[in-house]
PDB file of all heavy atoms in Angstrom:
ATOM      1  N   ILE A   1      -1.747 -12.580   2.015  1.00  0.00           N
ATOM      2  CA  ILE A   1      -1.489 -12.049   3.345  1.00  0.00           C
ATOM      3  C   ILE A   1      -1.497 -10.487   3.308  1.00  0.00           C
ATOM      4  O   ILE A   1      -2.105  -9.842   4.184  1.00  0.00           O
ATOM      5  CB  ILE A   1      -0.159 -12.591   3.908  1.00  0.00           C
ATOM      6  CG1 ILE A   1      -0.224 -14.086   4.128  1.00  0.00           C
ATOM      7  CG2 ILE A   1       0.304 -11.848   5.119  1.00  0.00           C
ATOM      8  CD1 ILE A   1       1.102 -14.682   4.632  1.00  0.00           C
ATOM      9  N   ARG A   2      -0.843  -9.989   2.248  1.00  0.00           N
ATOM     10  CA  ARG A   2      -0.805  -8.466   2.095  1.00  0.00           C
ATOM     11  C   ARG A   2      -2.261  -7.919   1.937  1.00  0.00           C
ATOM     12  O   ARG A   2      -2.571  -6.842   2.418  1.00  0.00           O
ATOM     13  CB  ARG A   2       0.079  -8.070   0.915  1.00  0.00           C
ATOM     14  CG  ARG A   2       1.514  -8.529   1.019  1.00  0.00           C
ATOM     15  CD  ARG A   2       2.200  -8.133   2.292  1.00  0.00           C
ATOM     16  NE  ARG A   2       3.568  -8.482   2.381  1.00  0.00           N
ATOM     17  CZ  ARG A   2       4.294  -8.615   3.425  1.00  0.00           C
ATOM     18  NH1 ARG A   2       3.672  -8.347   4.615  1.00  0.00           N
ATOM     19  NH2 ARG A   2       5.572  -8.928   3.429  1.00  0.00           N
ATOM     20  N   GLU A   3      -3.059  -8.624   1.181  1.00  0.00           N
ATOM     21  CA  GLU A   3      -4.444  -8.209   1.011  1.00  0.00           C
ATOM     22  C   GLU A   3      -5.163  -8.201   2.280  1.00  0.00           C
ATOM     23  O   GLU A   3      -6.000  -7.304   2.627  1.00  0.00           O
ATOM     24  CB  GLU A   3      -5.143  -9.101   0.013  1.00  0.00           C
ATOM     25  CG  GLU A   3      -4.625  -8.925  -1.447  1.00  0.00           C
ATOM     26  CD  GLU A   3      -5.301  -9.957  -2.403  1.00  0.00           C
ATOM     27  OE1 GLU A   3      -6.252 -10.635  -1.951  1.00  0.00           O
ATOM     28  OE2 GLU A   3      -4.909 -10.066  -3.564  1.00  0.00           O
ATOM     29  N   ALA A   4      -4.970  -9.299   3.147  1.00  0.00           N
ATOM     30  CA  ALA A   4      -5.663  -9.374   4.384  1.00  0.00           C
ATOM     31  C   ALA A   4      -5.197  -8.190   5.304  1.00  0.00           C
ATOM     32  O   ALA A   4      -6.007  -7.633   6.033  1.00  0.00           O
ATOM     33  CB  ALA A   4      -5.329 -10.703   5.082  1.00  0.00           C
ATOM     34  N   GLN A   5      -3.916  -7.875   5.293  1.00  0.00           N
ATOM     35  CA  GLN A   5      -3.426  -6.768   6.041  1.00  0.00           C
ATOM     36  C   GLN A   5      -4.019  -5.459   5.647  1.00  0.00           C
ATOM     37  O   GLN A   5      -4.425  -4.601   6.401  1.00  0.00           O
ATOM     38  CB  GLN A   5      -1.885  -6.734   5.993  1.00  0.00           C
ATOM     39  CG  GLN A   5      -1.189  -7.890   6.741  1.00  0.00           C
ATOM     40  CD  GLN A   5       0.292  -7.891   6.514  1.00  0.00           C
ATOM     41  OE1 GLN A   5       0.766  -7.498   5.408  1.00  0.00           O
ATOM     42  NE2 GLN A   5       1.065  -8.207   7.512  1.00  0.00           N
ATOM     43  N   ALA A   6      -4.136  -5.269   4.331  1.00  0.00           N
ATOM     44  CA  ALA A   6      -4.676  -4.042   3.789  1.00  0.00           C
ATOM     45  C   ALA A   6      -6.149  -3.932   4.135  1.00  0.00           C
ATOM     46  O   ALA A   6      -6.673  -2.759   4.262  1.00  0.00           O
ATOM     47  CB  ALA A   6      -4.518  -3.979   2.250  1.00  0.00           C
ATOM     48  N   ALA A   7      -6.838  -4.984   4.295  1.00  0.00           N
ATOM     49  CA  ALA A   7      -8.255  -4.999   4.609  1.00  0.00           C
ATOM     50  C   ALA A   7      -8.543  -4.831   6.079  1.00  0.00           C
ATOM     51  O   ALA A   7      -9.716  -4.787   6.528  1.00  0.00           O
ATOM     52  CB  ALA A   7      -8.919  -6.333   4.094  1.00  0.00           C
ATOM     53  N   GLY A   8      -7.465  -4.744   6.893  1.00  0.00           N
ATOM     54  CA  GLY A   8      -7.675  -4.529   8.306  1.00  0.00           C
ATOM     55  C   GLY A   8      -7.212  -5.574   9.277  1.00  0.00           C
ATOM     56  O   GLY A   8      -7.291  -5.410  10.483  1.00  0.00           O
ATOM     57  N   ALA A   9      -6.679  -6.687   8.756  1.00  0.00           N
ATOM     58  CA  ALA A   9      -6.241  -7.794   9.544  1.00  0.00           C
ATOM     59  C   ALA A   9      -4.816  -7.456  10.099  1.00  0.00           C
ATOM     60  O   ALA A   9      -3.873  -7.571   9.349  1.00  0.00           O
ATOM     61  CB  ALA A   9      -6.169  -9.099   8.802  1.00  0.00           C
ATOM     62  N   LYS A  10      -4.830  -7.012  11.365  1.00  0.00           N
ATOM     63  CA  LYS A  10      -3.490  -6.462  11.856  1.00  0.00           C
ATOM     64  C   LYS A  10      -2.697  -7.615  12.577  1.00  0.00           C
ATOM     65  O   LYS A  10      -1.485  -7.605  12.581  1.00  0.00           O
ATOM     66  CB  LYS A  10      -3.769  -5.339  12.798  1.00  0.00           C
ATOM     67  CG  LYS A  10      -4.494  -4.177  12.169  1.00  0.00           C
ATOM     68  CD  LYS A  10      -3.719  -3.642  11.001  1.00  0.00           C
ATOM     69  CE  LYS A  10      -4.408  -2.408  10.369  1.00  0.00           C
ATOM     70  NZ  LYS A  10      -3.723  -1.916   9.137  1.00  0.00           N
ATOM     71  N   SER A  11      -3.376  -8.472  13.260  1.00  0.00           N
ATOM     72  CA  SER A  11      -2.661  -9.459  14.033  1.00  0.00           C
ATOM     73  C   SER A  11      -2.428 -10.808  13.233  1.00  0.00           C
ATOM     74  O   SER A  11      -3.101 -11.003  12.198  1.00  0.00           O
ATOM     75  CB  SER A  11      -3.441  -9.912  15.332  1.00  0.00           C
ATOM     76  OG  SER A  11      -4.688 -10.563  14.958  1.00  0.00           O
ATOM     77  N   LEU A  12      -1.482 -11.578  13.618  1.00  0.00           N
ATOM     78  CA  LEU A  12      -1.230 -12.851  12.961  1.00  0.00           C
ATOM     79  C   LEU A  12      -2.417 -13.712  12.980  1.00  0.00           C
ATOM     80  O   LEU A  12      -2.800 -14.415  12.014  1.00  0.00           O
ATOM     81  CB  LEU A  12      -0.035 -13.557  13.647  1.00  0.00           C
ATOM     82  CG  LEU A  12       1.325 -12.818  13.551  1.00  0.00           C
ATOM     83  CD1 LEU A  12       2.327 -13.587  14.368  1.00  0.00           C
ATOM     84  CD2 LEU A  12       1.751 -12.681  12.059  1.00  0.00           C
ATOM     85  N   ARG A  13      -3.164 -13.724  14.139  1.00  0.00           N
ATOM     86  CA  ARG A  13      -4.383 -14.573  14.293  1.00  0.00           C
ATOM     87  C   ARG A  13      -5.409 -14.093  13.336  1.00  0.00           C
ATOM     88  O   ARG A  13      -6.083 -14.941  12.717  1.00  0.00           O
ATOM     89  CB  ARG A  13      -4.892 -14.401  15.725  1.00  0.00           C
ATOM     90  CG  ARG A  13      -6.145 -15.134  16.068  1.00  0.00           C
ATOM     91  CD  ARG A  13      -6.031 -16.617  16.092  1.00  0.00           C
ATOM     92  NE  ARG A  13      -6.338 -17.193  14.803  1.00  0.00           N
ATOM     93  CZ  ARG A  13      -6.163 -18.470  14.474  1.00  0.00           C
ATOM     94  NH1 ARG A  13      -5.603 -19.305  15.375  1.00  0.00           N
ATOM     95  NH2 ARG A  13      -6.486 -18.977  13.346  1.00  0.00           N
ATOM     96  N   ALA A  14      -5.558 -12.769  13.175  1.00  0.00           N
ATOM     97  CA  ALA A  14      -6.572 -12.286  12.236  1.00  0.00           C
ATOM     98  C   ALA A  14      -6.227 -12.657  10.770  1.00  0.00           C
ATOM     99  O   ALA A  14      -7.156 -13.014   9.998  1.00  0.00           O
ATOM    100  CB  ALA A  14      -6.670 -10.710  12.365  1.00  0.00           C
ATOM    101  N   ILE A  15      -4.963 -12.539  10.473  1.00  0.00           N
ATOM    102  CA  ILE A  15      -4.517 -12.912   9.068  1.00  0.00           C
ATOM    103  C   ILE A  15      -4.810 -14.439   8.832  1.00  0.00           C
ATOM    104  O   ILE A  15      -5.287 -14.851   7.823  1.00  0.00           O
ATOM    105  CB  ILE A  15      -3.033 -12.669   8.869  1.00  0.00           C
ATOM    106  CG1 ILE A  15      -2.806 -11.126   8.978  1.00  0.00           C
ATOM    107  CG2 ILE A  15      -2.594 -13.138   7.536  1.00  0.00           C
ATOM    108  CD1 ILE A  15      -1.310 -10.798   9.011  1.00  0.00           C
ATOM    109  N   ALA A  16      -4.539 -15.271   9.832  1.00  0.00           N
ATOM    110  CA  ALA A  16      -4.825 -16.714   9.720  1.00  0.00           C
ATOM    111  C   ALA A  16      -6.286 -16.950   9.462  1.00  0.00           C
ATOM    112  O   ALA A  16      -6.627 -17.804   8.661  1.00  0.00           O
ATOM    113  CB  ALA A  16      -4.287 -17.382  10.989  1.00  0.00           C
ATOM    114  N   ASP A  17      -7.148 -16.226  10.231  1.00  0.00           N
ATOM    115  CA  ASP A  17      -8.576 -16.414  10.043  1.00  0.00           C
ATOM    116  C   ASP A  17      -9.001 -16.061   8.606  1.00  0.00           C
ATOM    117  O   ASP A  17      -9.905 -16.797   8.013  1.00  0.00           O
ATOM    118  CB  ASP A  17      -9.360 -15.589  11.055  1.00  0.00           C
ATOM    119  CG  ASP A  17      -9.165 -16.052  12.462  1.00  0.00           C
ATOM    120  OD1 ASP A  17      -8.820 -17.216  12.642  1.00  0.00           O
ATOM    121  OD2 ASP A  17      -9.346 -15.266  13.387  1.00  0.00           O
ATOM    122  N   VAL A  18      -8.419 -14.990   8.038  1.00  0.00           N
ATOM    123  CA  VAL A  18      -8.757 -14.616   6.686  1.00  0.00           C
ATOM    124  C   VAL A  18      -8.338 -15.695   5.712  1.00  0.00           C
ATOM    125  O   VAL A  18      -9.129 -15.981   4.784  1.00  0.00           O
ATOM    126  CB  VAL A  18      -8.148 -13.272   6.331  1.00  0.00           C
ATOM    127  CG1 VAL A  18      -8.335 -12.962   4.808  1.00  0.00           C
ATOM    128  CG2 VAL A  18      -8.713 -12.165   7.208  1.00  0.00           C
ATOM    129  N   LEU A  19      -7.143 -16.168   5.834  1.00  0.00           N
ATOM    130  CA  LEU A  19      -6.632 -17.176   4.927  1.00  0.00           C
ATOM    131  C   LEU A  19      -7.535 -18.462   5.000  1.00  0.00           C
ATOM    132  O   LEU A  19      -7.808 -19.093   3.998  1.00  0.00           O
ATOM    133  CB  LEU A  19      -5.197 -17.523   5.210  1.00  0.00           C
ATOM    134  CG  LEU A  19      -4.181 -16.400   5.027  1.00  0.00           C
ATOM    135  CD1 LEU A  19      -2.749 -16.850   5.467  1.00  0.00           C
ATOM    136  CD2 LEU A  19      -4.152 -15.955   3.594  1.00  0.00           C
ATOM    137  N   ASN A  20      -7.853 -18.809   6.233  1.00  0.00           N
ATOM    138  CA  ASN A  20      -8.722 -20.063   6.406  1.00  0.00           C
ATOM    139  C   ASN A  20     -10.136 -19.804   5.732  1.00  0.00           C
ATOM    140  O   ASN A  20     -10.682 -20.751   5.106  1.00  0.00           O
ATOM    141  CB  ASN A  20      -8.871 -20.369   7.857  1.00  0.00           C
ATOM    142  CG  ASN A  20      -7.616 -20.918   8.473  1.00  0.00           C
ATOM    143  OD1 ASN A  20      -6.834 -21.564   7.787  1.00  0.00           O
ATOM    144  ND2 ASN A  20      -7.378 -20.643   9.729  1.00  0.00           N
ATOM    145  N   ALA A  21     -10.623 -18.551   5.935  1.00  0.00           N
ATOM    146  CA  ALA A  21     -11.937 -18.274   5.400  1.00  0.00           C
ATOM    147  C   ALA A  21     -11.899 -18.285   3.786  1.00  0.00           C
ATOM    148  O   ALA A  21     -12.917 -18.653   3.194  1.00  0.00           O
ATOM    149  CB  ALA A  21     -12.456 -16.866   5.807  1.00  0.00           C
ATOM    150  N   ARG A  22     -10.766 -17.911   3.276  1.00  0.00           N
ATOM    151  CA  ARG A  22     -10.675 -17.966   1.758  1.00  0.00           C
ATOM    152  C   ARG A  22     -10.309 -19.385   1.241  1.00  0.00           C
ATOM    153  O   ARG A  22     -10.180 -19.592   0.051  1.00  0.00           O
ATOM    154  CB  ARG A  22      -9.627 -16.960   1.357  1.00  0.00           C
ATOM    155  CG  ARG A  22      -9.931 -15.545   1.615  1.00  0.00           C
ATOM    156  CD  ARG A  22      -8.910 -14.600   1.110  1.00  0.00           C
ATOM    157  NE  ARG A  22      -8.601 -14.777  -0.324  1.00  0.00           N
ATOM    158  CZ  ARG A  22      -7.679 -14.041  -0.964  1.00  0.00           C
ATOM    159  NH1 ARG A  22      -7.035 -13.090  -0.324  1.00  0.00           N
ATOM    160  NH2 ARG A  22      -7.433 -14.269  -2.273  1.00  0.00           N
ATOM    161  N   GLY A  23     -10.187 -20.350   2.153  1.00  0.00           N
ATOM    162  CA  GLY A  23      -9.893 -21.680   1.701  1.00  0.00           C
ATOM    163  C   GLY A  23      -8.409 -21.906   1.279  1.00  0.00           C
ATOM    164  O   GLY A  23      -8.166 -22.870   0.543  1.00  0.00           O
ATOM    165  N   ILE A  24      -7.553 -21.070   1.698  1.00  0.00           N
ATOM    166  CA  ILE A  24      -6.149 -21.212   1.337  1.00  0.00           C
ATOM    167  C   ILE A  24      -5.488 -22.113   2.392  1.00  0.00           C
ATOM    168  O   ILE A  24      -5.539 -21.807   3.571  1.00  0.00           O
ATOM    169  CB  ILE A  24      -5.453 -19.837   1.239  1.00  0.00           C
ATOM    170  CG1 ILE A  24      -6.113 -18.933   0.197  1.00  0.00           C
ATOM    171  CG2 ILE A  24      -3.954 -19.959   0.936  1.00  0.00           C
ATOM    172  CD1 ILE A  24      -5.556 -17.471   0.251  1.00  0.00           C
ATOM    173  N   ALA A  25      -4.814 -23.167   1.914  1.00  0.00           N
ATOM    174  CA  ALA A  25      -4.178 -24.084   2.824  1.00  0.00           C
ATOM    175  C   ALA A  25      -2.724 -23.731   3.065  1.00  0.00           C
ATOM    176  O   ALA A  25      -2.135 -23.011   2.269  1.00  0.00           O
ATOM    177  CB  ALA A  25      -4.307 -25.499   2.267  1.00  0.00           C
ATOM    178  N   THR A  26      -2.220 -24.278   4.157  1.00  0.00           N
ATOM    179  CA  THR A  26      -0.753 -24.069   4.405  1.00  0.00           C
ATOM    180  C   THR A  26      -0.003 -24.960   3.459  1.00  0.00           C
ATOM    181  O   THR A  26      -0.545 -25.759   2.726  1.00  0.00           O
ATOM    182  CB  THR A  26      -0.429 -24.509   5.876  1.00  0.00           C
ATOM    183  OG1 THR A  26      -0.719 -25.891   6.011  1.00  0.00           O
ATOM    184  CG2 THR A  26      -1.280 -23.719   6.852  1.00  0.00           C
ATOM    185  N   ALA A  27       1.355 -24.899   3.531  1.00  0.00           N
ATOM    186  CA  ALA A  27       2.243 -25.686   2.650  1.00  0.00           C
ATOM    187  C   ALA A  27       1.975 -27.213   2.892  1.00  0.00           C
ATOM    188  O   ALA A  27       2.158 -28.003   1.996  1.00  0.00           O
ATOM    189  CB  ALA A  27       3.685 -25.350   2.939  1.00  0.00           C
ATOM    190  N   ARG A  28       1.571 -27.582   4.068  1.00  0.00           N
ATOM    191  CA  ARG A  28       1.321 -28.962   4.378  1.00  0.00           C
ATOM    192  C   ARG A  28      -0.190 -29.322   4.186  1.00  0.00           C
ATOM    193  O   ARG A  28      -0.591 -30.474   4.567  1.00  0.00           O
ATOM    194  CB  ARG A  28       1.753 -29.302   5.836  1.00  0.00           C
ATOM    195  CG  ARG A  28       3.235 -29.103   6.026  1.00  0.00           C
ATOM    196  CD  ARG A  28       3.635 -29.514   7.446  1.00  0.00           C
ATOM    197  NE  ARG A  28       5.093 -29.470   7.624  1.00  0.00           N
ATOM    198  CZ  ARG A  28       5.701 -29.791   8.711  1.00  0.00           C
ATOM    199  NH1 ARG A  28       5.043 -30.224   9.789  1.00  0.00           N
ATOM    200  NH2 ARG A  28       7.021 -29.642   8.861  1.00  0.00           N
ATOM    201  N   GLY A  29      -0.970 -28.433   3.703  1.00  0.00           N
ATOM    202  CA  GLY A  29      -2.367 -28.734   3.451  1.00  0.00           C
ATOM    203  C   GLY A  29      -3.252 -28.513   4.609  1.00  0.00           C
ATOM    204  O   GLY A  29      -4.421 -28.970   4.606  1.00  0.00           O
ATOM    205  N   GLY A  30      -2.767 -27.908   5.644  1.00  0.00           N
ATOM    206  CA  GLY A  30      -3.584 -27.697   6.917  1.00  0.00           C
ATOM    207  C   GLY A  30      -4.189 -26.314   6.971  1.00  0.00           C
ATOM    208  O   GLY A  30      -4.137 -25.514   6.073  1.00  0.00           O
ATOM    209  N   ARG A  31      -4.654 -26.047   8.195  1.00  0.00           N
ATOM    210  CA  ARG A  31      -5.243 -24.767   8.493  1.00  0.00           C
ATOM    211  C   ARG A  31      -4.206 -23.807   9.048  1.00  0.00           C
ATOM    212  O   ARG A  31      -3.257 -24.234   9.656  1.00  0.00           O
ATOM    213  CB  ARG A  31      -6.453 -24.923   9.490  1.00  0.00           C
ATOM    214  CG  ARG A  31      -7.672 -25.573   8.890  1.00  0.00           C
ATOM    215  CD  ARG A  31      -8.743 -25.686   9.881  1.00  0.00           C
ATOM    216  NE  ARG A  31      -9.199 -24.385  10.461  1.00  0.00           N
ATOM    217  CZ  ARG A  31     -10.026 -23.558   9.791  1.00  0.00           C
ATOM    218  NH1 ARG A  31     -10.530 -23.902   8.623  1.00  0.00           N
ATOM    219  NH2 ARG A  31     -10.328 -22.383  10.373  1.00  0.00           N
TER     220      ARG A  31
END
């Protein structure tokens, strides 16, 4: 999340998009 913020992802939605693009799942295995 910190890396996404440093790369310019300022909003929560933008951070979520970066994590999904990197294939990182939530604690429950979802998007």
